[in-house]
Amino acid sequence: MRQGPGAGQGASGACAARSRTRLPSPSSRVREAGFTNPVLTDGDNGIIAGHGRVLSARKLGLAVVPVIERAHLTPVHRRA
């Protein structure tokens, strides 16, 4: 499945701890190699894993990102 990078609803503050000065940047890796890991969603467009990849896709102006929907996971498993 592929979705637009603006479709997902990330957990509040999920990327707050991510430093903007880390090297190499996630955006540069996505630009050079494309996506090697899909974004995981919860079935309601909530992002389980891949917040940084979605931010990179938005920054690069990508129209779609690879997504695996994991709607069957319980809330406990989503946070694991």
C-alpha atoms as a PDB file:
ATOM      1  CA  MET A   1       0.000   0.000   0.000  1.00  0.00           C
ATOM      2  CA  ARG A   2       1.208   3.521  -0.665  1.00  0.00           C
ATOM      3  CA  GLN A   3      -0.136   6.712   0.879  1.00  0.00           C
ATOM      4  CA  GLY A   4       0.632  10.380   0.706  1.00  0.00           C
ATOM      5  CA  PRO A   5       3.010  11.482   3.466  1.00  0.00           C
ATOM      6  CA  GLY A   6       0.422  13.930   4.802  1.00  0.00           C
ATOM      7  CA  ALA A   7      -2.143  11.189   5.450  1.00  0.00           C
ATOM      8  CA  GLY A   8      -0.688   9.774   8.667  1.00  0.00           C
ATOM      9  CA  GLN A   9      -1.451  11.044  12.139  1.00  0.00           C
ATOM     10  CA  GLY A  10       1.702  10.771  14.230  1.00  0.00           C
ATOM     11  CA  ALA A  11       1.726  10.486  17.988  1.00  0.00           C
ATOM     12  CA  SER A  12       2.058  13.879  19.597  1.00  0.00           C
ATOM     13  CA  GLY A  13       5.722  14.698  20.067  1.00  0.00           C
ATOM     14  CA  ALA A  14       6.919  11.387  18.630  1.00  0.00           C
ATOM     15  CA  CYS A  15       9.790  13.067  16.820  1.00  0.00           C
ATOM     16  CA  ALA A  16      10.512  15.724  19.408  1.00  0.00           C
ATOM     17  CA  ALA A  17      13.628  13.927  20.605  1.00  0.00           C
ATOM     18  CA  ARG A  18      15.058  13.566  17.096  1.00  0.00           C
ATOM     19  CA  SER A  19      17.986  15.908  16.652  1.00  0.00           C
ATOM     20  CA  ARG A  20      18.006  18.063  13.541  1.00  0.00           C
ATOM     21  CA  THR A  21      21.822  18.021  13.444  1.00  0.00           C
ATOM     22  CA  ARG A  22      22.377  14.270  13.070  1.00  0.00           C
ATOM     23  CA  LEU A  23      24.387  13.110  10.068  1.00  0.00           C
ATOM     24  CA  PRO A  24      23.459  11.906   7.545  1.00  0.00           C
ATOM     25  CA  SER A  25      19.957  13.306   7.546  1.00  0.00           C
ATOM     26  CA  PRO A  26      17.042  10.958   6.961  1.00  0.00           C
ATOM     27  CA  SER A  27      15.987  13.128   4.012  1.00  0.00           C
ATOM     28  CA  SER A  28      19.336  12.699   2.292  1.00  0.00           C
ATOM     29  CA  ARG A  29      19.144   8.921   2.744  1.00  0.00           C
ATOM     30  CA  VAL A  30      15.618   8.804   1.298  1.00  0.00           C
ATOM     31  CA  ARG A  31      16.670  11.038  -1.605  1.00  0.00           C
ATOM     32  CA  GLU A  32      19.699   8.862  -2.409  1.00  0.00           C
ATOM     33  CA  ALA A  33      18.366   5.343  -1.817  1.00  0.00           C
ATOM     34  CA  GLY A  34      14.588   5.671  -1.678  1.00  0.00           C
ATOM     35  CA  PHE A  35      12.578   3.927   0.987  1.00  0.00           C
ATOM     36  CA  THR A  36      14.025   0.673   2.288  1.00  0.00           C
ATOM     37  CA  ASN A  37      11.548   0.370   5.183  1.00  0.00           C
ATOM     38  CA  PRO A  38       7.844   1.164   4.874  1.00  0.00           C
ATOM     39  CA  VAL A  39       5.885   3.292   7.321  1.00  0.00           C
ATOM     40  CA  LEU A  40       3.706   1.226   9.675  1.00  0.00           C
ATOM     41  CA  THR A  41       0.172   2.512  10.273  1.00  0.00           C
ATOM     42  CA  ASP A  42      -2.603   1.439  12.639  1.00  0.00           C
ATOM     43  CA  GLY A  43      -5.522   1.233  10.207  1.00  0.00           C
ATOM     44  CA  ASP A  44      -6.776   4.743  11.062  1.00  0.00           C
ATOM     45  CA  ASN A  45      -3.847   6.542   9.377  1.00  0.00           C
ATOM     46  CA  GLY A  46      -2.033   6.712  12.710  1.00  0.00           C
ATOM     47  CA  ILE A  47       1.701   6.182  12.366  1.00  0.00           C
ATOM     48  CA  ILE A  48       3.105   3.368  14.481  1.00  0.00           C
ATOM     49  CA  ALA A  49       6.660   3.508  13.106  1.00  0.00           C
ATOM     50  CA  GLY A  50       8.265   5.746  10.502  1.00  0.00           C
ATOM     51  CA  HIS A  51       7.616   9.263  11.770  1.00  0.00           C
ATOM     52  CA  GLY A  52      11.035  10.420  10.541  1.00  0.00           C
ATOM     53  CA  ARG A  53      10.465   8.827   7.136  1.00  0.00           C
ATOM     54  CA  VAL A  54       7.165  10.695   6.794  1.00  0.00           C
ATOM     55  CA  LEU A  55       8.832  13.985   7.765  1.00  0.00           C
ATOM     56  CA  SER A  56      11.572  13.308   5.211  1.00  0.00           C
ATOM     57  CA  ALA A  57       9.007  12.543   2.515  1.00  0.00           C
ATOM     58  CA  ARG A  58       7.169  15.788   3.251  1.00  0.00           C
ATOM     59  CA  LYS A  59      10.437  17.731   3.178  1.00  0.00           C
ATOM     60  CA  LEU A  60      11.325  16.195  -0.200  1.00  0.00           C
ATOM     61  CA  GLY A  61       7.837  16.787  -1.618  1.00  0.00           C
ATOM     62  CA  LEU A  62       7.176  13.089  -2.265  1.00  0.00           C
ATOM     63  CA  ALA A  63       3.600  12.285  -3.279  1.00  0.00           C
ATOM     64  CA  VAL A  64       3.495   8.753  -1.818  1.00  0.00           C
ATOM     65  CA  VAL A  65       5.382   6.596   0.673  1.00  0.00           C
ATOM     66  CA  PRO A  66       5.315   2.812   1.135  1.00  0.00           C
ATOM     67  CA  VAL A  67       2.971   1.790   3.966  1.00  0.00           C
ATOM     68  CA  ILE A  68       2.158  -1.458   5.757  1.00  0.00           C
ATOM     69  CA  GLU A  69      -1.130  -1.312   7.622  1.00  0.00           C
ATOM     70  CA  ARG A  70      -1.130  -3.151  10.964  1.00  0.00           C
ATOM     71  CA  ALA A  71      -4.764  -2.615  11.987  1.00  0.00           C
ATOM     72  CA  HIS A  72      -4.883  -5.896  13.918  1.00  0.00           C
ATOM     73  CA  LEU A  73      -2.393  -4.748  16.579  1.00  0.00           C
ATOM     74  CA  THR A  74      -3.657  -3.950  20.059  1.00  0.00           C
ATOM     75  CA  PRO A  75      -2.760  -0.580  21.594  1.00  0.00           C
ATOM     76  CA  VAL A  76      -0.150  -2.317  23.766  1.00  0.00           C
ATOM     77  CA  HIS A  77       1.476  -3.912  20.709  1.00  0.00           C
ATOM     78  CA  ARG A  78       1.428  -0.598  18.822  1.00  0.00           C
ATOM     79  CA  ARG A  79       3.493   1.022  21.573  1.00  0.00           C
ATOM     80  CA  ALA A  80       5.977  -1.866  21.809  1.00  0.00           C
END
